[in-house]
C-alpha cells in the first residue's frame, strides 16, 4: 500500500506478514515479513539503505527472500538486484527477483542473481508472480533451477554433463536435421541481434541540421554526469553553441576500451566540431546542431545501448535534426 511516487523517498521499514505483491503468493510460501523502501531513497542512499534492509531481513532468518517484481522500473530493479546479491553473499540465503529484460537491473545483476523474466508493467503481475513463486519454492527447497524451464535470465553458468554421443556425431545429427528442415537445438546458441534498416540519406545537406553523437566517452572536464568508463548506464548532452572547435583543456575521455591520449590531445578527432564548422561556413552543411551527445560504448549492454538510442532519437527529432554523424573508436 506504499507504492506511489509520492512515497518513493521513504526509509526502510518492515511490517509483519504479506502486503502488496506478497498477498498473491501461494500458501506454499509463507510470508513472515515484508521489507519496504522507497526506490528514490535507495538510489540516493544505497549503502545506508542496503545495510538497513539486510539488517531487517536478518532478524527473521527466512528460507528465501523475494524482491519485486520490478518490471521495467529502473531504480526499483537496481534496488532489487542489489538486495538479492547482498542477501546471497552476506546472509547466505537464496534470493530471487523478477524484472523486464530492458530494466537496467537485469543487465547489472543477472550474472549474480536469479532474475525471473517479467513483463514491462504490472499488467503481467499474475503470470510473473506464478513464475517467481515456482522458482522461489525450488530455491528454498535446495532444488536446481534451469533458465529455460524456470523462465529466468541466463547467468552464463556452464555445467559439465555426460552426453550420450560424442561431439562429432551430435554436430552431424544437427546438420542433417537442419537439411531435412527438422527441429533441433544448437548447443551453442548464437546471439540474436536485431536487424536495423538504414535510414534514407539526407536529400540536401546544404539545408540540413546535422548532430554529432559518439560512444567514445568524451565529456566536459570533470565528467559532470558521472558517466561510467565501461558498462554505461546513461548518456550526456553538451553544448557546442558558438564553438568553432573543441579544446583539450575543456574535455577529457572517460572510456576504458582504447588509448585515450590522441582524443585527449585533440577532442575534434572524436567529435569533429572543427571540420563540421568549416563545412557549415562553406554552406555545404546547413547547420551543426548546438549540442553533441556522448556515452561510453565499451561493455555496455545491448539493452542499455538500445535505450540510449531511443532516448537520443526522441531528443534529436524534437529538436528538428535531419541527420546524425555517429563516431566511435
Protein backbone atom coordinates (compact mmCIF):
# COMPACT_ATOMS: atom_id res chain seq x y z
CA UNK A 1 0.00 0.00 0.00
CA UNK A 2 3.02 2.33 -0.21
CA UNK A 3 3.73 2.20 -3.91
CA UNK A 4 3.10 5.66 -5.33
CA UNK A 5 5.76 8.10 -6.50
CA UNK A 6 4.86 10.35 -3.57
CA UNK A 7 6.23 7.61 -1.27
CA UNK A 8 9.45 6.99 -3.23
CA UNK A 9 11.57 8.67 -0.54
CA UNK A 10 10.54 6.57 2.46
CA UNK A 11 13.27 4.95 4.55
CA UNK A 12 13.47 1.16 5.03
CA UNK A 13 10.81 -0.30 7.29
CA UNK A 14 9.32 -3.71 7.95
CA UNK A 15 5.78 -4.99 8.53
CA UNK A 16 4.77 -8.44 9.67
CA UNK A 17 3.27 -10.77 7.10
CA UNK A 18 2.39 -10.08 3.48
CA UNK A 19 1.37 -6.82 1.84
CA UNK A 20 1.38 -5.75 -1.80
CA UNK A 21 2.57 -8.45 -4.26
CA UNK A 22 3.22 -10.80 -1.33
CA UNK A 23 -0.53 -11.26 -0.97
CA UNK A 24 -0.57 -13.04 -4.32
CA UNK A 25 1.97 -15.68 -3.34
CA UNK A 26 0.71 -19.26 -2.94
CA UNK A 27 0.23 -20.92 0.51
CA UNK A 28 3.42 -22.96 -0.04
CA UNK A 29 5.36 -19.73 0.54
CA UNK A 30 4.58 -18.28 3.96
CA UNK A 31 5.47 -14.58 4.07
CA UNK A 32 6.82 -13.84 7.53
CA UNK A 33 7.56 -10.18 6.85
CA UNK A 34 7.69 -7.53 4.15
CA UNK A 35 10.54 -5.02 3.98
CA UNK A 36 9.59 -1.72 2.30
CA UNK A 37 11.88 1.03 0.98
CA UNK A 38 11.33 3.87 -1.46
CA UNK A 39 13.33 3.43 -4.67
CA UNK A 40 14.37 7.10 -4.68
CA UNK A 41 15.66 6.76 -1.15
CA UNK A 42 17.54 3.58 -2.05
CA UNK A 43 19.13 5.20 -5.11
CA UNK A 44 20.26 8.25 -3.14
CA UNK A 45 21.40 6.38 0.00
CA UNK A 46 22.34 3.00 -1.47
CA UNK A 47 24.85 1.79 1.12
CA UNK A 48 22.87 3.02 4.11
CA UNK A 49 19.57 1.69 2.76
CA UNK A 50 21.01 -1.69 1.75
CA UNK A 51 22.61 -2.18 5.17
CA UNK A 52 19.32 -1.39 6.89
CA UNK A 53 17.32 -3.72 4.62
CA UNK A 54 19.78 -6.57 5.23
CA UNK A 55 19.52 -5.95 8.97
CA UNK A 56 15.72 -6.09 8.82
CA UNK A 57 15.77 -9.31 6.78
CA UNK A 58 18.37 -10.98 9.02
CA UNK A 59 16.21 -10.82 12.15
CA UNK A 60 13.59 -13.10 10.54
CA UNK A 61 16.09 -15.75 9.32
CA UNK A 62 13.95 -16.61 6.28
CA UNK A 63 14.46 -19.62 3.98
CA UNK A 64 14.13 -17.47 0.86
CA UNK A 65 13.97 -13.75 0.01
CA UNK A 66 11.81 -12.44 -2.85
CA UNK A 67 12.26 -8.91 -4.20
CA UNK A 68 9.95 -7.05 -6.55
CA UNK A 69 8.67 -7.75 -9.12
CA UNK A 70 10.33 -4.64 -10.56
CA UNK A 71 9.00 -4.99 -14.15
CA UNK A 72 10.62 -2.09 -16.11
CA UNK A 73 11.07 0.32 -13.19
CA UNK A 74 14.80 1.06 -13.36
CA UNK A 75 15.52 2.34 -9.84
CA UNK A 76 13.35 -0.41 -8.38
CA UNK A 77 15.16 -3.03 -10.46
CA UNK A 78 18.59 -1.88 -9.34
CA UNK A 79 17.41 -1.92 -5.71
CA UNK A 80 16.00 -5.45 -6.06
CA UNK A 81 19.17 -6.71 -7.71
CA UNK A 82 21.46 -5.15 -5.10
CA UNK A 83 19.46 -6.52 -2.16
CA UNK A 84 19.28 -10.03 -3.65
CA UNK A 85 23.01 -10.02 -4.32
CA UNK A 86 23.77 -8.94 -0.76
CA UNK A 87 21.34 -11.46 0.74
CA UNK A 88 23.12 -14.21 -1.19
CA UNK A 89 26.62 -13.03 -0.31
CA UNK A 90 26.17 -11.79 3.24
CA UNK A 91 23.30 -13.83 4.69
CA UNK A 92 23.90 -16.96 2.58
CA UNK A 93 20.15 -17.16 1.95
CA UNK A 94 18.64 -17.88 -1.51
CA UNK A 95 17.11 -14.82 -3.16
CA UNK A 96 15.18 -14.20 -6.35
CA UNK A 97 13.60 -11.24 -8.10
CA UNK A 98 11.74 -10.55 -11.36
CA UNK A 99 12.29 -7.85 -14.00
CA UNK A 100 11.71 -6.92 -17.61
CA UNK A 101 14.61 -7.63 -19.95
CA UNK A 102 15.27 -3.91 -20.59
CA UNK A 103 15.35 -2.99 -16.91
CA UNK A 104 18.88 -1.72 -16.11
CA UNK A 105 18.88 -4.00 -13.08
CA UNK A 106 18.63 -7.04 -15.35
CA UNK A 107 21.96 -6.42 -17.08
CA UNK A 108 23.64 -5.31 -13.87
CA UNK A 109 22.64 -8.30 -11.72
CA UNK A 110 21.58 -11.27 -13.85
CA UNK A 111 25.03 -12.87 -13.57
CA UNK A 112 24.81 -12.86 -9.77
CA UNK A 113 21.10 -13.19 -9.07
CA UNK A 114 18.27 -15.38 -10.39
CA UNK A 115 16.02 -12.88 -12.18
CA UNK A 116 12.72 -14.25 -13.41
CA UNK A 117 11.51 -12.84 -16.72
CA UNK A 118 8.66 -10.36 -16.21
CA UNK A 119 6.62 -8.14 -18.48
CA UNK A 120 7.22 -4.42 -18.74
CA UNK A 121 4.32 -3.39 -16.49
CA UNK A 122 2.30 -4.67 -13.55
CA UNK A 123 -0.36 -5.86 -16.01
CA UNK A 124 1.68 -9.09 -16.11
CA UNK A 125 1.68 -9.40 -12.31
CA UNK A 126 -0.30 -12.66 -12.13
CA UNK A 127 1.91 -14.52 -14.61
CA UNK A 128 5.09 -13.06 -13.10
CA UNK A 129 4.11 -14.00 -9.54
CA UNK A 130 3.37 -17.56 -10.68
CA UNK A 131 6.85 -17.92 -12.23
CA UNK A 132 8.53 -16.16 -9.32
CA UNK A 133 6.78 -18.38 -6.78
CA UNK A 134 7.77 -21.57 -8.59
CA UNK A 135 11.44 -20.61 -8.71
CA UNK A 136 11.40 -19.35 -5.12
CA UNK A 137 9.97 -22.64 -3.85
CA UNK A 138 12.63 -24.66 -5.68
CA UNK A 139 15.43 -22.46 -4.34
CA UNK A 140 14.04 -22.64 -0.80
CA UNK A 141 13.94 -26.44 -1.04
CA UNK A 142 17.50 -26.57 -2.33
CA UNK A 143 16.45 -27.84 -5.76
CA UNK A 144 18.27 -26.99 -9.00
CA UNK A 145 16.73 -24.43 -11.33
CA UNK A 146 17.29 -24.03 -15.07
CA UNK A 147 16.87 -20.86 -17.17
CA UNK A 148 14.69 -22.43 -19.87
CA UNK A 149 12.49 -24.49 -17.57
CA UNK A 150 12.11 -21.85 -14.87
CA UNK A 151 11.87 -18.74 -17.05
CA UNK A 152 14.77 -16.71 -15.71
CA UNK A 153 17.61 -14.90 -17.47
CA UNK A 154 20.69 -16.96 -18.24
CA UNK A 155 23.56 -16.30 -15.87
CA UNK A 156 26.42 -17.56 -18.02
CA UNK A 157 26.91 -20.57 -15.75
CA UNK A 158 28.15 -23.71 -17.51
CA UNK A 159 27.88 -27.20 -16.05
CA UNK A 160 29.53 -30.40 -17.24
CA UNK A 161 27.14 -33.19 -18.24
CA UNK A 162 27.60 -36.68 -19.68
CA UNK A 163 26.30 -36.80 -23.27
CA UNK A 164 25.08 -39.98 -24.92
CA UNK A 165 27.13 -39.35 -28.10
CA UNK A 166 30.42 -37.57 -28.77
CA UNK A 167 30.54 -34.08 -30.30
CA UNK A 168 31.19 -35.08 -33.91
CA UNK A 169 28.10 -37.28 -34.08
CA UNK A 170 25.94 -34.65 -32.36
CA UNK A 171 27.13 -32.00 -34.83
CA UNK A 172 26.39 -34.22 -37.87
CA UNK A 173 22.96 -35.10 -36.45
CA UNK A 174 22.13 -31.40 -36.07
CA UNK A 175 23.34 -30.66 -39.60
CA UNK A 176 21.19 -33.46 -41.04
CA UNK A 177 18.17 -32.24 -39.06
CA UNK A 178 18.71 -28.74 -40.42
CA UNK A 179 18.96 -30.02 -44.02
CA UNK A 180 15.75 -32.01 -43.53
CA UNK A 181 14.12 -28.90 -42.02
CA UNK A 182 13.55 -30.82 -38.80
CA UNK A 183 13.63 -29.24 -35.35
CA UNK A 184 16.93 -29.23 -33.46
CA UNK A 185 18.50 -27.23 -30.65
CA UNK A 186 22.01 -25.85 -31.03
CA UNK A 187 24.37 -26.50 -28.15
CA UNK A 188 25.97 -23.10 -28.78
CA UNK A 189 23.12 -20.64 -29.37
CA UNK A 190 24.22 -17.50 -31.19
CA UNK A 191 23.07 -14.04 -30.10
CA UNK A 192 20.01 -12.84 -31.95
CA UNK A 193 20.79 -9.26 -32.92
CA UNK A 194 18.03 -7.01 -34.16
CA UNK A 195 18.14 -6.15 -37.87
CA UNK A 196 18.09 -2.37 -38.20
CA UNK A 197 17.04 -0.87 -41.52
CA UNK A 198 19.30 2.02 -42.55
CA UNK A 199 17.70 5.43 -42.70
CA UNK A 200 17.15 7.17 -46.01
CA UNK A 201 20.00 9.52 -47.00
CA UNK A 202 19.67 13.23 -46.34
CA UNK A 203 18.49 14.71 -49.63
CA UNK A 204 20.15 18.12 -49.36
CA UNK A 205 22.95 18.63 -46.83
CA UNK A 206 23.07 22.35 -47.56
CA UNK A 207 19.68 22.70 -45.87
CA UNK A 208 20.12 20.03 -43.21
CA UNK A 209 20.83 20.27 -39.49
CA UNK A 210 23.36 17.58 -38.50
CA UNK A 211 24.17 16.40 -34.98
CA UNK A 212 27.19 14.54 -33.60
CA UNK A 213 26.71 11.50 -31.38
CA UNK A 214 29.60 9.43 -30.03
CA UNK A 215 30.13 6.30 -27.95
CA UNK A 216 33.78 7.22 -27.47
CA UNK A 217 33.30 8.63 -23.97
CA UNK A 218 34.19 12.30 -24.49
CA UNK A 219 32.85 14.58 -21.74
CA UNK A 220 33.46 18.09 -20.42
CA UNK A 221 36.20 18.23 -17.81
CA UNK A 222 35.04 16.64 -14.57
CA UNK A 223 32.54 14.36 -16.35
CA UNK A 224 29.56 16.29 -14.91
CA UNK A 225 27.06 13.46 -15.48
CA UNK A 226 29.29 10.81 -13.94
CA UNK A 227 29.10 8.51 -16.98
CA UNK A 228 30.95 5.27 -16.39
CA UNK A 229 34.19 4.28 -18.18
CA UNK A 230 32.56 0.96 -19.07
CA UNK A 231 29.16 -0.72 -18.74
CA UNK A 232 27.49 2.69 -19.13
CA UNK A 233 24.03 3.23 -17.68
CA UNK A 234 23.49 6.75 -19.06
CA UNK A 235 24.49 9.33 -21.65
CA UNK A 236 25.03 13.09 -21.70
CA UNK A 237 24.35 16.09 -23.94
CA UNK A 238 26.77 19.00 -24.09
CA UNK A 239 26.52 22.44 -25.66
CA UNK A 240 28.76 23.45 -28.55
CA UNK A 241 26.80 26.60 -29.38
CA UNK A 242 29.21 29.22 -30.71
CA UNK A 243 32.16 26.80 -30.51
CA UNK A 244 34.32 26.58 -33.63
CA UNK A 245 36.49 23.73 -32.33
CA UNK A 246 36.78 21.66 -29.15
CA UNK A 247 39.74 22.50 -26.91
CA UNK A 248 41.74 19.87 -25.00
CA UNK A 249 41.60 21.96 -21.81
CA UNK A 250 37.82 21.66 -21.78
CA UNK A 251 37.26 17.95 -22.49
CA UNK A 252 38.54 14.57 -21.40
CA UNK A 253 37.79 10.95 -22.35
CA UNK A 254 36.41 8.51 -19.78
CA UNK A 255 36.46 5.21 -21.69
CA UNK A 256 38.25 2.01 -20.75
CA UNK A 257 38.36 0.44 -24.20
CA UNK A 258 41.03 2.31 -26.18
CA UNK A 259 44.08 4.57 -25.92
CA UNK A 260 42.53 7.92 -24.97
CA UNK A 261 45.66 10.03 -25.46
CA UNK A 262 45.02 11.05 -29.07
CA UNK A 263 41.50 12.27 -28.36
CA UNK A 264 42.53 13.98 -25.13
CA UNK A 265 45.19 15.79 -27.17
CA UNK A 266 42.62 16.91 -29.75
CA UNK A 267 38.95 16.17 -28.92
CA UNK A 268 37.95 17.01 -32.51
CA UNK A 269 39.44 13.65 -33.56
CA UNK A 270 36.40 12.01 -31.97
CA UNK A 271 33.82 14.80 -32.07
CA UNK A 272 34.73 16.66 -35.29
CA UNK A 273 33.30 20.07 -34.47
CA UNK A 274 36.13 21.84 -36.31
CA UNK A 275 35.55 20.03 -39.61
CA UNK A 276 31.77 20.40 -39.48
CA UNK A 277 32.02 24.11 -38.67
CA UNK A 278 34.19 24.51 -41.77
CA UNK A 279 31.53 22.74 -43.87
CA UNK A 280 28.91 24.95 -42.27
CA UNK A 281 30.84 28.09 -43.24
CA UNK A 282 31.14 26.80 -46.82
CA UNK A 283 27.34 26.27 -46.87
CA UNK A 284 27.96 22.63 -47.74
CA UNK A 285 26.15 21.89 -44.47
CA UNK A 286 23.04 23.73 -43.37
CA UNK A 287 23.82 23.80 -39.66
CA UNK A 288 25.62 21.88 -36.94
CA UNK A 289 23.27 21.11 -34.04
CA UNK A 290 24.29 23.08 -30.96
CA UNK A 291 24.79 20.02 -28.72
CA UNK A 292 26.68 16.75 -29.05
CA UNK A 293 25.53 13.57 -27.33
CA UNK A 294 28.05 11.22 -25.72
CA UNK A 295 28.21 7.90 -23.89
CA UNK A 296 30.73 5.10 -23.32
CA UNK A 297 30.38 2.07 -25.57
CA UNK A 298 32.78 -0.45 -24.04
CA UNK A 299 30.99 -3.49 -22.49
CA UNK A 300 27.75 -1.53 -22.42
CA UNK A 301 24.82 -3.99 -22.56
CA UNK A 302 22.81 -4.07 -25.78
CA UNK A 303 19.64 -3.26 -23.83
CA UNK A 304 21.24 -0.08 -22.47
CA UNK A 305 22.51 0.87 -25.94
CA UNK A 306 19.03 0.42 -27.39
CA UNK A 307 17.58 2.59 -24.63
CA UNK A 308 20.20 5.29 -25.23
CA UNK A 309 19.37 5.23 -28.94
CA UNK A 310 15.65 5.67 -28.35
CA UNK A 311 16.19 8.49 -25.87
CA UNK A 312 18.68 10.30 -28.10
CA UNK A 313 16.49 9.87 -31.18
CA UNK A 314 13.48 11.37 -29.41
CA UNK A 315 15.55 14.38 -28.34
CA UNK A 316 17.04 14.89 -31.81
CA UNK A 317 13.72 14.54 -33.61
CA UNK A 318 12.13 17.02 -31.21
CA UNK A 319 14.97 19.46 -31.99
CA UNK A 320 14.38 19.16 -35.75
CA UNK A 321 17.69 17.44 -36.52
CA UNK A 322 17.82 15.93 -40.03
CA UNK A 323 20.79 13.60 -39.69
CA UNK A 324 23.38 12.25 -37.27
CA UNK A 325 27.08 11.51 -37.56
CA UNK A 326 27.88 8.68 -35.11
CA UNK A 327 31.56 8.49 -34.26
CA UNK A 328 33.18 5.59 -32.46
CA UNK A 329 36.65 4.33 -31.60
